[in-house]
Amino acid sequence: MILKQHLLLYAVTDSRRGAALEAAVLSALRGGITMLQLRAKDMPDKELLATARRLLALTNACGVPLLINDRADIAVAIGAAGVHLGLGDGDLRQARALLGPGKILGATARSVEQALAAEAAGADYLGCGAVFGTNTKADATAMPPEVLREICAAVRIPVVAIGGITLENAAELKDSGTAGIAVVSGVFGQADIEEAARNLRGLAERIF
């Protein structure tokens, strides 16, 4: 697996659950997402485990890696591709020890210092933003374009941009050094999820 290629269009789930979540993910997969992150911070462990297993069956069938937000233990339990840890959401070295060397470990970084620290701790890629601001996370402030470029230049691992990315603004990330885009509402917040993913995939292929 070439990680950089899977970061081209990285979809992060929204708050829907059950059959609605599975249907949305299936539509996103049909539209061409290249990686999926299950982000369900408020979901009880038993439901999270069952949901992760069902989504893994869908992503495996499409050759798309599934990462679990914050929960390395869940990722290991179901055999997911890896885990993504947000700032303050867990120790990267501990997560790497639990995952082992063959799994993907993603980390959030909003500064060069955080990016270098995450790389040194074993992160395989960085999620950086919010590049255009976002309504998805209340604490995510907009990242200046120069900071994103500085992070990309400072690390050897790939960087994916996240935060408020749409068909209308994604092209602004060209030449930023990022490997791709990560979206929540840009895919899952659209009336036609499959079409939204297809359009973003096409645009990402032209940009990156």
N, C-alpha and C. Protein backbone atom coordinates (compact mmCIF):
# COMPACT_ATOMS: atom_id res chain seq x y z
N MET A 1 0.84 -1.20 0.00
CA MET A 1 0.00 0.00 0.00
C MET A 1 0.87 1.25 0.00
N ILE A 2 0.62 2.15 -0.94
CA ILE A 2 1.32 3.42 -0.97
C ILE A 2 0.46 4.45 -0.27
N LEU A 3 0.86 4.83 0.94
CA LEU A 3 0.02 5.68 1.78
C LEU A 3 -0.34 6.99 1.11
N LYS A 4 0.62 7.63 0.46
CA LYS A 4 0.36 8.93 -0.14
C LYS A 4 -0.81 8.87 -1.11
N GLN A 5 -0.93 7.79 -1.87
CA GLN A 5 -2.03 7.66 -2.82
C GLN A 5 -3.37 7.57 -2.12
N HIS A 6 -3.39 6.95 -0.96
CA HIS A 6 -4.64 6.80 -0.22
C HIS A 6 -5.07 8.09 0.47
N LEU A 7 -4.20 9.06 0.55
CA LEU A 7 -4.54 10.34 1.17
C LEU A 7 -5.17 11.31 0.17
N LEU A 8 -5.32 10.91 -1.06
CA LEU A 8 -5.83 11.81 -2.09
C LEU A 8 -7.20 12.38 -1.74
N LEU A 9 -8.14 11.51 -1.38
CA LEU A 9 -9.48 11.95 -0.94
C LEU A 9 -9.86 11.13 0.29
N TYR A 10 -9.60 11.70 1.43
CA TYR A 10 -9.70 11.05 2.73
C TYR A 10 -10.99 11.53 3.39
N ALA A 11 -11.97 10.64 3.50
CA ALA A 11 -13.27 11.00 4.08
C ALA A 11 -13.33 10.63 5.55
N VAL A 12 -13.87 11.54 6.35
CA VAL A 12 -14.05 11.34 7.79
C VAL A 12 -15.54 11.34 8.07
N THR A 13 -16.03 10.32 8.77
CA THR A 13 -17.47 10.19 8.97
C THR A 13 -18.05 11.30 9.82
N ASP A 14 -19.33 11.56 9.61
CA ASP A 14 -20.04 12.53 10.43
C ASP A 14 -20.76 11.80 11.56
N SER A 15 -21.77 12.42 12.15
CA SER A 15 -22.37 11.89 13.38
C SER A 15 -23.46 10.84 13.15
N ARG A 16 -23.81 10.54 11.92
CA ARG A 16 -24.88 9.56 11.70
C ARG A 16 -24.44 8.16 12.16
N ARG A 17 -25.41 7.31 12.43
CA ARG A 17 -25.10 6.00 13.00
C ARG A 17 -25.94 4.93 12.33
N GLY A 18 -25.59 3.68 12.64
CA GLY A 18 -26.38 2.55 12.16
C GLY A 18 -26.41 2.42 10.65
N ALA A 19 -27.58 2.04 10.16
CA ALA A 19 -27.76 1.80 8.73
C ALA A 19 -27.51 3.07 7.92
N ALA A 20 -27.85 4.22 8.49
CA ALA A 20 -27.65 5.49 7.77
C ALA A 20 -26.17 5.74 7.54
N LEU A 21 -25.33 5.41 8.51
CA LEU A 21 -23.89 5.58 8.36
C LEU A 21 -23.34 4.63 7.32
N GLU A 22 -23.76 3.38 7.38
CA GLU A 22 -23.27 2.39 6.42
C GLU A 22 -23.66 2.77 4.99
N ALA A 23 -24.88 3.24 4.81
CA ALA A 23 -25.33 3.64 3.47
C ALA A 23 -24.52 4.83 2.97
N ALA A 24 -24.25 5.77 3.87
CA ALA A 24 -23.47 6.95 3.49
C ALA A 24 -22.05 6.56 3.10
N VAL A 25 -21.45 5.68 3.88
CA VAL A 25 -20.08 5.23 3.59
C VAL A 25 -20.04 4.47 2.27
N LEU A 26 -21.02 3.63 2.02
CA LEU A 26 -21.06 2.89 0.77
C LEU A 26 -21.16 3.85 -0.42
N SER A 27 -21.96 4.89 -0.29
CA SER A 27 -22.06 5.88 -1.35
C SER A 27 -20.73 6.60 -1.57
N ALA A 28 -20.06 6.93 -0.47
CA ALA A 28 -18.76 7.61 -0.58
C ALA A 28 -17.73 6.70 -1.24
N LEU A 29 -17.75 5.44 -0.92
CA LEU A 29 -16.83 4.48 -1.54
C LEU A 29 -17.11 4.36 -3.04
N ARG A 30 -18.36 4.31 -3.40
CA ARG A 30 -18.72 4.24 -4.82
C ARG A 30 -18.27 5.49 -5.56
N GLY A 31 -18.26 6.61 -4.85
CA GLY A 31 -17.84 7.87 -5.47
C GLY A 31 -16.34 8.01 -5.61
N GLY A 32 -15.58 7.17 -4.89
CA GLY A 32 -14.14 7.17 -5.11
C GLY A 32 -13.28 7.68 -3.99
N ILE A 33 -13.77 7.70 -2.74
CA ILE A 33 -12.88 8.09 -1.64
C ILE A 33 -11.73 7.08 -1.57
N THR A 34 -10.58 7.56 -1.11
CA THR A 34 -9.38 6.71 -1.11
C THR A 34 -8.97 6.26 0.29
N MET A 35 -9.56 6.86 1.32
CA MET A 35 -9.34 6.43 2.70
C MET A 35 -10.55 6.86 3.52
N LEU A 36 -10.85 6.11 4.57
CA LEU A 36 -11.98 6.44 5.43
C LEU A 36 -11.54 6.42 6.89
N GLN A 37 -11.98 7.43 7.61
CA GLN A 37 -11.77 7.46 9.07
C GLN A 37 -13.12 7.42 9.76
N LEU A 38 -13.27 6.46 10.65
CA LEU A 38 -14.47 6.39 11.49
C LEU A 38 -14.23 7.27 12.70
N ARG A 39 -14.96 8.37 12.76
CA ARG A 39 -14.84 9.30 13.89
C ARG A 39 -16.19 9.31 14.60
N ALA A 40 -16.22 8.73 15.79
CA ALA A 40 -17.48 8.58 16.54
C ALA A 40 -17.17 8.69 18.03
N LYS A 41 -16.80 9.88 18.47
CA LYS A 41 -16.31 10.07 19.83
C LYS A 41 -17.35 9.75 20.90
N ASP A 42 -18.62 9.93 20.58
CA ASP A 42 -19.67 9.72 21.59
C ASP A 42 -20.31 8.34 21.52
N MET A 43 -19.81 7.48 20.67
CA MET A 43 -20.42 6.17 20.50
C MET A 43 -19.91 5.20 21.57
N PRO A 44 -20.80 4.49 22.26
CA PRO A 44 -20.36 3.50 23.25
C PRO A 44 -19.46 2.44 22.63
N ASP A 45 -18.56 1.89 23.44
CA ASP A 45 -17.55 0.97 22.91
C ASP A 45 -18.15 -0.22 22.15
N LYS A 46 -19.20 -0.81 22.70
CA LYS A 46 -19.80 -1.99 22.05
C LYS A 46 -20.33 -1.63 20.67
N GLU A 47 -21.01 -0.50 20.58
CA GLU A 47 -21.55 -0.05 19.28
C GLU A 47 -20.42 0.34 18.34
N LEU A 48 -19.39 0.99 18.88
CA LEU A 48 -18.26 1.40 18.06
C LEU A 48 -17.56 0.19 17.45
N LEU A 49 -17.38 -0.83 18.25
CA LEU A 49 -16.71 -2.04 17.77
C LEU A 49 -17.52 -2.69 16.65
N ALA A 50 -18.83 -2.81 16.87
CA ALA A 50 -19.69 -3.43 15.86
C ALA A 50 -19.75 -2.58 14.59
N THR A 51 -19.84 -1.27 14.76
CA THR A 51 -19.88 -0.37 13.61
C THR A 51 -18.58 -0.44 12.82
N ALA A 52 -17.47 -0.43 13.52
CA ALA A 52 -16.17 -0.49 12.87
C ALA A 52 -16.03 -1.78 12.05
N ARG A 53 -16.50 -2.87 12.60
CA ARG A 53 -16.42 -4.15 11.88
C ARG A 53 -17.26 -4.10 10.59
N ARG A 54 -18.44 -3.53 10.67
CA ARG A 54 -19.29 -3.46 9.48
C ARG A 54 -18.68 -2.55 8.42
N LEU A 55 -18.13 -1.43 8.85
CA LEU A 55 -17.50 -0.53 7.89
C LEU A 55 -16.25 -1.14 7.29
N LEU A 56 -15.52 -1.91 8.07
CA LEU A 56 -14.31 -2.55 7.56
C LEU A 56 -14.64 -3.51 6.42
N ALA A 57 -15.75 -4.20 6.55
CA ALA A 57 -16.16 -5.11 5.47
C ALA A 57 -16.41 -4.33 4.18
N LEU A 58 -17.00 -3.14 4.31
CA LEU A 58 -17.27 -2.32 3.13
C LEU A 58 -15.97 -1.78 2.53
N THR A 59 -15.10 -1.24 3.38
CA THR A 59 -13.86 -0.65 2.87
C THR A 59 -12.92 -1.70 2.29
N ASN A 60 -12.85 -2.86 2.93
CA ASN A 60 -11.99 -3.93 2.42
C ASN A 60 -12.43 -4.36 1.02
N ALA A 61 -13.73 -4.40 0.81
CA ALA A 61 -14.25 -4.82 -0.48
C ALA A 61 -13.87 -3.84 -1.59
N CYS A 62 -13.58 -2.61 -1.20
CA CYS A 62 -13.22 -1.57 -2.18
C CYS A 62 -11.73 -1.27 -2.18
N GLY A 63 -10.96 -1.96 -1.36
CA GLY A 63 -9.52 -1.72 -1.29
C GLY A 63 -9.17 -0.38 -0.68
N VAL A 64 -10.00 0.10 0.22
CA VAL A 64 -9.80 1.40 0.86
C VAL A 64 -9.44 1.20 2.32
N PRO A 65 -8.35 1.79 2.82
CA PRO A 65 -7.99 1.64 4.22
C PRO A 65 -9.01 2.30 5.16
N LEU A 66 -9.31 1.64 6.27
CA LEU A 66 -10.16 2.19 7.32
C LEU A 66 -9.31 2.51 8.53
N LEU A 67 -9.37 3.76 8.98
CA LEU A 67 -8.70 4.17 10.21
C LEU A 67 -9.76 4.51 11.25
N ILE A 68 -9.43 4.29 12.51
CA ILE A 68 -10.32 4.61 13.61
C ILE A 68 -9.80 5.84 14.33
N ASN A 69 -10.65 6.80 14.57
CA ASN A 69 -10.24 8.01 15.26
C ASN A 69 -9.99 7.73 16.74
N ASP A 70 -8.79 8.02 17.18
CA ASP A 70 -8.39 8.01 18.60
C ASP A 70 -8.27 6.63 19.26
N ARG A 71 -8.87 5.59 18.70
CA ARG A 71 -8.96 4.32 19.40
C ARG A 71 -8.10 3.24 18.75
N ALA A 72 -6.83 3.22 19.16
CA ALA A 72 -5.92 2.19 18.66
C ALA A 72 -6.38 0.80 19.08
N ASP A 73 -7.00 0.71 20.25
CA ASP A 73 -7.46 -0.60 20.72
C ASP A 73 -8.55 -1.17 19.82
N ILE A 74 -9.46 -0.31 19.37
CA ILE A 74 -10.52 -0.75 18.46
C ILE A 74 -9.92 -1.14 17.11
N ALA A 75 -8.98 -0.32 16.63
CA ALA A 75 -8.32 -0.61 15.36
C ALA A 75 -7.65 -1.98 15.38
N VAL A 76 -6.96 -2.28 16.47
CA VAL A 76 -6.28 -3.56 16.60
C VAL A 76 -7.30 -4.70 16.70
N ALA A 77 -8.36 -4.48 17.47
CA ALA A 77 -9.35 -5.52 17.70
C ALA A 77 -10.02 -5.98 16.41
N ILE A 78 -10.26 -5.07 15.47
CA ILE A 78 -10.98 -5.45 14.25
C ILE A 78 -10.04 -5.65 13.06
N GLY A 79 -8.76 -5.33 13.22
CA GLY A 79 -7.83 -5.46 12.12
C GLY A 79 -7.93 -4.33 11.11
N ALA A 80 -8.26 -3.12 11.60
CA ALA A 80 -8.33 -1.95 10.72
C ALA A 80 -6.93 -1.57 10.26
N ALA A 81 -6.88 -0.69 9.27
CA ALA A 81 -5.58 -0.28 8.70
C ALA A 81 -4.78 0.57 9.67
N GLY A 82 -5.46 1.23 10.62
CA GLY A 82 -4.71 2.06 11.56
C GLY A 82 -5.60 2.96 12.37
N VAL A 83 -4.98 4.02 12.90
CA VAL A 83 -5.67 4.94 13.80
C VAL A 83 -5.19 6.36 13.51
N HIS A 84 -6.06 7.33 13.79
CA HIS A 84 -5.67 8.74 13.74
C HIS A 84 -5.87 9.34 15.12
N LEU A 85 -4.84 10.00 15.62
CA LEU A 85 -4.91 10.64 16.93
C LEU A 85 -4.91 12.16 16.76
N GLY A 86 -5.94 12.80 17.31
CA GLY A 86 -5.97 14.25 17.32
C GLY A 86 -5.07 14.79 18.41
N LEU A 87 -4.90 16.11 18.42
CA LEU A 87 -4.07 16.73 19.45
C LEU A 87 -4.68 16.48 20.83
N GLY A 88 -3.88 15.95 21.73
CA GLY A 88 -4.35 15.69 23.09
C GLY A 88 -5.23 14.47 23.22
N ASP A 89 -5.34 13.66 22.17
CA ASP A 89 -6.23 12.51 22.19
C ASP A 89 -5.52 11.17 22.36
N GLY A 90 -4.29 11.21 22.80
CA GLY A 90 -3.58 9.97 23.04
C GLY A 90 -2.10 10.13 22.74
N ASP A 91 -1.31 9.20 23.24
CA ASP A 91 0.13 9.24 23.06
C ASP A 91 0.52 8.48 21.79
N LEU A 92 1.20 9.15 20.89
CA LEU A 92 1.54 8.54 19.61
C LEU A 92 2.46 7.33 19.77
N ARG A 93 3.43 7.42 20.67
CA ARG A 93 4.35 6.29 20.86
C ARG A 93 3.63 5.07 21.42
N GLN A 94 2.70 5.31 22.33
CA GLN A 94 1.93 4.19 22.88
C GLN A 94 1.04 3.57 21.80
N ALA A 95 0.45 4.43 20.97
CA ALA A 95 -0.39 3.92 19.89
C ALA A 95 0.44 3.11 18.91
N ARG A 96 1.64 3.59 18.58
CA ARG A 96 2.50 2.85 17.67
C ARG A 96 2.88 1.49 18.26
N ALA A 97 3.18 1.47 19.55
CA ALA A 97 3.53 0.20 20.20
C ALA A 97 2.36 -0.78 20.14
N LEU A 98 1.14 -0.27 20.30
CA LEU A 98 -0.03 -1.13 20.27
C LEU A 98 -0.34 -1.59 18.85
N LEU A 99 -0.21 -0.70 17.89
CA LEU A 99 -0.52 -1.03 16.50
C LEU A 99 0.51 -1.95 15.88
N GLY A 100 1.78 -1.75 16.22
CA GLY A 100 2.86 -2.46 15.56
C GLY A 100 3.32 -1.68 14.33
N PRO A 101 4.37 -2.14 13.68
CA PRO A 101 4.98 -1.37 12.58
C PRO A 101 4.22 -1.41 11.27
N GLY A 102 3.32 -2.35 11.10
CA GLY A 102 2.68 -2.50 9.80
C GLY A 102 1.40 -1.72 9.62
N LYS A 103 0.97 -0.98 10.63
CA LYS A 103 -0.29 -0.25 10.58
C LYS A 103 -0.05 1.25 10.41
N ILE A 104 -1.09 1.96 9.98
CA ILE A 104 -0.99 3.40 9.74
C ILE A 104 -1.28 4.17 11.02
N LEU A 105 -0.41 5.11 11.34
CA LEU A 105 -0.62 5.99 12.49
C LEU A 105 -0.65 7.42 11.98
N GLY A 106 -1.80 8.05 12.08
CA GLY A 106 -1.95 9.44 11.67
C GLY A 106 -2.02 10.36 12.87
N ALA A 107 -1.60 11.60 12.69
CA ALA A 107 -1.59 12.56 13.78
C ALA A 107 -2.02 13.93 13.26
N THR A 108 -2.62 14.71 14.13
CA THR A 108 -2.99 16.08 13.81
C THR A 108 -1.85 17.02 14.19
N ALA A 109 -1.60 18.01 13.36
CA ALA A 109 -0.58 19.02 13.66
C ALA A 109 -1.05 20.37 13.16
N ARG A 110 -0.85 21.39 13.98
CA ARG A 110 -1.24 22.75 13.59
C ARG A 110 -0.07 23.71 13.63
N SER A 111 1.12 23.17 13.82
CA SER A 111 2.34 23.99 13.80
C SER A 111 3.50 23.12 13.36
N VAL A 112 4.60 23.75 12.95
CA VAL A 112 5.78 23.00 12.56
C VAL A 112 6.30 22.18 13.73
N GLU A 113 6.27 22.76 14.92
CA GLU A 113 6.76 22.05 16.10
C GLU A 113 5.95 20.79 16.37
N GLN A 114 4.64 20.89 16.30
CA GLN A 114 3.79 19.72 16.49
C GLN A 114 4.02 18.69 15.40
N ALA A 115 4.22 19.15 14.19
CA ALA A 115 4.45 18.24 13.06
C ALA A 115 5.74 17.45 13.24
N LEU A 116 6.80 18.12 13.61
CA LEU A 116 8.09 17.46 13.81
C LEU A 116 8.03 16.48 14.98
N ALA A 117 7.31 16.87 16.03
CA ALA A 117 7.18 15.98 17.20
C ALA A 117 6.39 14.73 16.83
N ALA A 118 5.33 14.89 16.05
CA ALA A 118 4.53 13.74 15.63
C ALA A 118 5.33 12.81 14.73
N GLU A 119 6.10 13.37 13.82
CA GLU A 119 6.93 12.55 12.95
C GLU A 119 7.94 11.76 13.77
N ALA A 120 8.56 12.42 14.74
CA ALA A 120 9.56 11.75 15.58
C ALA A 120 8.94 10.65 16.43
N ALA A 121 7.65 10.80 16.76
CA ALA A 121 6.97 9.82 17.60
C ALA A 121 6.43 8.64 16.80
N GLY A 122 6.60 8.67 15.49
CA GLY A 122 6.20 7.51 14.69
C GLY A 122 5.00 7.69 13.80
N ALA A 123 4.50 8.92 13.65
CA ALA A 123 3.35 9.15 12.77
C ALA A 123 3.74 8.87 11.32
N ASP A 124 2.81 8.30 10.57
CA ASP A 124 3.02 8.00 9.16
C ASP A 124 2.53 9.13 8.25
N TYR A 125 1.58 9.91 8.74
CA TYR A 125 1.09 11.06 7.98
C TYR A 125 0.54 12.08 8.97
N LEU A 126 0.33 13.31 8.48
CA LEU A 126 -0.22 14.38 9.31
C LEU A 126 -1.50 14.92 8.69
N GLY A 127 -2.48 15.21 9.54
CA GLY A 127 -3.66 15.94 9.13
C GLY A 127 -3.53 17.36 9.62
N CYS A 128 -3.59 18.33 8.74
CA CYS A 128 -3.34 19.73 9.11
C CYS A 128 -4.49 20.63 8.70
N GLY A 129 -4.90 21.49 9.61
CA GLY A 129 -5.98 22.44 9.34
C GLY A 129 -6.44 23.08 10.64
N ALA A 130 -7.52 23.80 10.58
CA ALA A 130 -8.50 23.81 9.49
C ALA A 130 -8.07 24.81 8.42
N VAL A 131 -7.83 24.32 7.20
CA VAL A 131 -7.25 25.18 6.18
C VAL A 131 -8.20 26.28 5.72
N PHE A 132 -9.50 26.03 5.78
CA PHE A 132 -10.47 27.05 5.39
C PHE A 132 -11.49 27.31 6.51
N GLY A 133 -11.14 26.95 7.74
CA GLY A 133 -12.12 27.03 8.82
C GLY A 133 -13.11 25.88 8.68
N THR A 134 -13.88 25.61 9.72
CA THR A 134 -14.83 24.51 9.66
C THR A 134 -15.89 24.65 10.72
N ASN A 135 -17.07 24.12 10.43
CA ASN A 135 -18.14 24.05 11.43
C ASN A 135 -18.17 22.69 12.11
N THR A 136 -17.32 21.77 11.67
CA THR A 136 -17.34 20.41 12.20
C THR A 136 -16.75 20.32 13.59
N LYS A 137 -15.68 21.10 13.83
CA LYS A 137 -15.03 21.09 15.14
C LYS A 137 -14.99 22.50 15.68
N ALA A 138 -15.57 22.69 16.86
CA ALA A 138 -15.70 24.03 17.43
C ALA A 138 -14.36 24.67 17.75
N ASP A 139 -13.34 23.85 18.04
CA ASP A 139 -12.05 24.40 18.47
C ASP A 139 -11.05 24.54 17.33
N ALA A 140 -11.49 24.31 16.09
CA ALA A 140 -10.57 24.34 14.96
C ALA A 140 -10.55 25.72 14.32
N THR A 141 -9.47 26.46 14.53
CA THR A 141 -9.31 27.77 13.92
C THR A 141 -8.63 27.62 12.56
N ALA A 142 -8.82 28.61 11.71
CA ALA A 142 -8.27 28.54 10.36
C ALA A 142 -6.74 28.59 10.39
N MET A 143 -6.12 27.75 9.57
CA MET A 143 -4.66 27.69 9.47
C MET A 143 -4.21 28.56 8.29
N PRO A 144 -3.32 29.52 8.52
CA PRO A 144 -2.82 30.34 7.41
C PRO A 144 -2.11 29.48 6.37
N PRO A 145 -2.24 29.80 5.10
CA PRO A 145 -1.62 29.00 4.04
C PRO A 145 -0.12 28.83 4.21
N GLU A 146 0.54 29.86 4.71
CA GLU A 146 2.00 29.76 4.87
C GLU A 146 2.39 28.74 5.93
N VAL A 147 1.54 28.56 6.95
CA VAL A 147 1.84 27.56 7.98
C VAL A 147 1.72 26.16 7.39
N LEU A 148 0.70 25.95 6.58
CA LEU A 148 0.54 24.65 5.92
C LEU A 148 1.76 24.34 5.05
N ARG A 149 2.20 25.31 4.28
CA ARG A 149 3.37 25.10 3.43
C ARG A 149 4.62 24.83 4.25
N GLU A 150 4.78 25.53 5.36
CA GLU A 150 5.94 25.33 6.23
C GLU A 150 5.95 23.92 6.82
N ILE A 151 4.78 23.44 7.23
CA ILE A 151 4.69 22.08 7.77
C ILE A 151 5.07 21.06 6.71
N CYS A 152 4.51 21.21 5.52
CA CYS A 152 4.80 20.26 4.44
C CYS A 152 6.29 20.22 4.12
N ALA A 153 6.94 21.38 4.18
CA ALA A 153 8.37 21.45 3.86
C ALA A 153 9.23 20.91 4.99
N ALA A 154 8.71 20.90 6.22
CA ALA A 154 9.52 20.54 7.39
C ALA A 154 9.59 19.04 7.64
N VAL A 155 8.59 18.28 7.16
CA VAL A 155 8.52 16.85 7.48
C VAL A 155 8.75 16.00 6.23
N ARG A 156 9.11 14.75 6.48
CA ARG A 156 9.33 13.81 5.38
C ARG A 156 8.09 12.96 5.10
N ILE A 157 7.14 12.94 6.03
CA ILE A 157 5.92 12.15 5.86
C ILE A 157 4.86 12.99 5.14
N PRO A 158 3.90 12.33 4.48
CA PRO A 158 2.88 13.10 3.75
C PRO A 158 1.92 13.85 4.67
N VAL A 159 1.38 14.92 4.13
CA VAL A 159 0.44 15.79 4.86
C VAL A 159 -0.86 15.85 4.08
N VAL A 160 -1.97 15.74 4.79
CA VAL A 160 -3.29 15.90 4.17
C VAL A 160 -3.95 17.12 4.79
N ALA A 161 -4.54 17.96 3.96
CA ALA A 161 -5.21 19.17 4.44
C ALA A 161 -6.65 18.85 4.81
N ILE A 162 -7.15 19.50 5.85
CA ILE A 162 -8.53 19.28 6.30
C ILE A 162 -9.12 20.60 6.78
N GLY A 163 -10.43 20.70 6.68
CA GLY A 163 -11.12 21.84 7.25
C GLY A 163 -11.78 22.73 6.22
N GLY A 164 -13.08 22.59 6.05
CA GLY A 164 -13.84 23.49 5.18
C GLY A 164 -13.54 23.36 3.71
N ILE A 165 -13.01 22.22 3.28
CA ILE A 165 -12.61 22.04 1.89
C ILE A 165 -13.83 21.69 1.03
N THR A 166 -13.98 22.41 -0.07
CA THR A 166 -15.10 22.21 -0.99
C THR A 166 -14.59 22.18 -2.43
N LEU A 167 -15.49 21.88 -3.35
CA LEU A 167 -15.13 21.93 -4.77
C LEU A 167 -14.69 23.33 -5.17
N GLU A 168 -15.23 24.33 -4.50
CA GLU A 168 -14.96 25.72 -4.88
C GLU A 168 -13.59 26.21 -4.41
N ASN A 169 -13.08 25.66 -3.29
CA ASN A 169 -11.82 26.20 -2.76
C ASN A 169 -10.65 25.23 -2.79
N ALA A 170 -10.89 23.96 -3.10
CA ALA A 170 -9.83 22.96 -3.01
C ALA A 170 -8.63 23.28 -3.90
N ALA A 171 -8.87 23.91 -5.03
CA ALA A 171 -7.78 24.21 -5.96
C ALA A 171 -6.77 25.17 -5.36
N GLU A 172 -7.16 25.92 -4.32
CA GLU A 172 -6.22 26.83 -3.65
C GLU A 172 -5.09 26.07 -2.96
N LEU A 173 -5.27 24.77 -2.76
CA LEU A 173 -4.25 23.96 -2.09
C LEU A 173 -3.18 23.45 -3.06
N LYS A 174 -3.35 23.72 -4.34
CA LYS A 174 -2.33 23.32 -5.31
C LYS A 174 -1.00 23.98 -4.97
N ASP A 175 0.06 23.22 -5.04
CA ASP A 175 1.42 23.69 -4.74
C ASP A 175 1.66 23.97 -3.26
N SER A 176 0.73 23.52 -2.40
CA SER A 176 0.93 23.69 -0.96
C SER A 176 1.88 22.64 -0.39
N GLY A 177 2.06 21.56 -1.14
CA GLY A 177 2.89 20.45 -0.65
C GLY A 177 2.09 19.32 -0.06
N THR A 178 0.78 19.46 0.03
CA THR A 178 -0.06 18.41 0.61
C THR A 178 -0.25 17.27 -0.38
N ALA A 179 -0.55 16.10 0.18
CA ALA A 179 -0.75 14.90 -0.64
C ALA A 179 -2.20 14.74 -1.07
N GLY A 180 -3.10 15.44 -0.38
CA GLY A 180 -4.52 15.29 -0.69
C GLY A 180 -5.37 16.08 0.27
N ILE A 181 -6.67 15.79 0.26
CA ILE A 181 -7.63 16.51 1.08
C ILE A 181 -8.43 15.54 1.93
N ALA A 182 -8.74 15.98 3.14
CA ALA A 182 -9.61 15.24 4.05
C ALA A 182 -10.89 16.04 4.25
N VAL A 183 -12.02 15.38 4.15
CA VAL A 183 -13.30 16.09 4.21
C VAL A 183 -14.30 15.34 5.07
N VAL A 184 -15.15 16.10 5.70
CA VAL A 184 -16.31 15.54 6.41
C VAL A 184 -17.56 15.98 5.66
N SER A 185 -17.95 17.25 5.84
CA SER A 185 -19.17 17.74 5.21
C SER A 185 -19.04 17.84 3.70
N GLY A 186 -17.82 17.96 3.19
CA GLY A 186 -17.62 18.03 1.74
C GLY A 186 -18.11 16.79 1.03
N VAL A 187 -18.19 15.68 1.75
CA VAL A 187 -18.77 14.44 1.21
C VAL A 187 -20.06 14.10 1.94
N PHE A 188 -19.96 13.89 3.25
CA PHE A 188 -21.11 13.38 4.00
C PHE A 188 -22.20 14.42 4.27
N GLY A 189 -21.86 15.68 4.07
CA GLY A 189 -22.86 16.72 4.26
C GLY A 189 -23.61 17.09 3.00
N GLN A 190 -23.36 16.36 1.91
CA GLN A 190 -23.98 16.68 0.63
C GLN A 190 -25.21 15.80 0.37
N ALA A 191 -26.14 16.34 -0.39
CA ALA A 191 -27.37 15.60 -0.69
C ALA A 191 -27.08 14.31 -1.46
N ASP A 192 -26.15 14.38 -2.40
CA ASP A 192 -25.75 13.20 -3.17
C ASP A 192 -24.30 12.89 -2.81
N ILE A 193 -24.12 12.01 -1.86
CA ILE A 193 -22.79 11.71 -1.34
C ILE A 193 -21.90 11.11 -2.41
N GLU A 194 -22.43 10.19 -3.19
CA GLU A 194 -21.63 9.54 -4.22
C GLU A 194 -21.13 10.55 -5.25
N GLU A 195 -22.01 11.42 -5.69
CA GLU A 195 -21.63 12.42 -6.68
C GLU A 195 -20.63 13.42 -6.10
N ALA A 196 -20.83 13.80 -4.85
CA ALA A 196 -19.90 14.73 -4.20
C ALA A 196 -18.50 14.12 -4.12
N ALA A 197 -18.44 12.85 -3.74
CA ALA A 197 -17.14 12.17 -3.66
C ALA A 197 -16.51 12.06 -5.04
N ARG A 198 -17.31 11.74 -6.04
CA ARG A 198 -16.79 11.59 -7.40
C ARG A 198 -16.21 12.91 -7.91
N ASN A 199 -16.92 14.00 -7.65
CA ASN A 199 -16.44 15.31 -8.10
C ASN A 199 -15.17 15.73 -7.37
N LEU A 200 -15.11 15.49 -6.08
CA LEU A 200 -13.91 15.84 -5.32
C LEU A 200 -12.73 14.96 -5.71
N ARG A 201 -12.99 13.69 -6.00
CA ARG A 201 -11.92 12.80 -6.43
C ARG A 201 -11.31 13.29 -7.74
N GLY A 202 -12.17 13.64 -8.68
CA GLY A 202 -11.68 14.14 -9.95
C GLY A 202 -10.86 15.40 -9.79
N LEU A 203 -11.34 16.30 -8.95
CA LEU A 203 -10.61 17.56 -8.71
C LEU A 203 -9.28 17.27 -8.01
N ALA A 204 -9.29 16.39 -7.03
CA ALA A 204 -8.06 16.07 -6.31
C ALA A 204 -7.02 15.45 -7.24
N GLU A 205 -7.46 14.62 -8.18
CA GLU A 205 -6.53 14.02 -9.12
C GLU A 205 -5.87 15.08 -10.01
N ARG A 206 -6.62 16.15 -10.30
CA ARG A 206 -6.05 17.22 -11.13
C ARG A 206 -5.11 18.13 -10.33
N ILE A 207 -5.41 18.29 -9.04
CA ILE A 207 -4.62 19.20 -8.20
C ILE A 207 -3.34 18.56 -7.73
N PHE A 208 -3.43 17.30 -7.27
CA PHE A 208 -2.29 16.67 -6.61
C PHE A 208 -1.60 15.63 -7.50
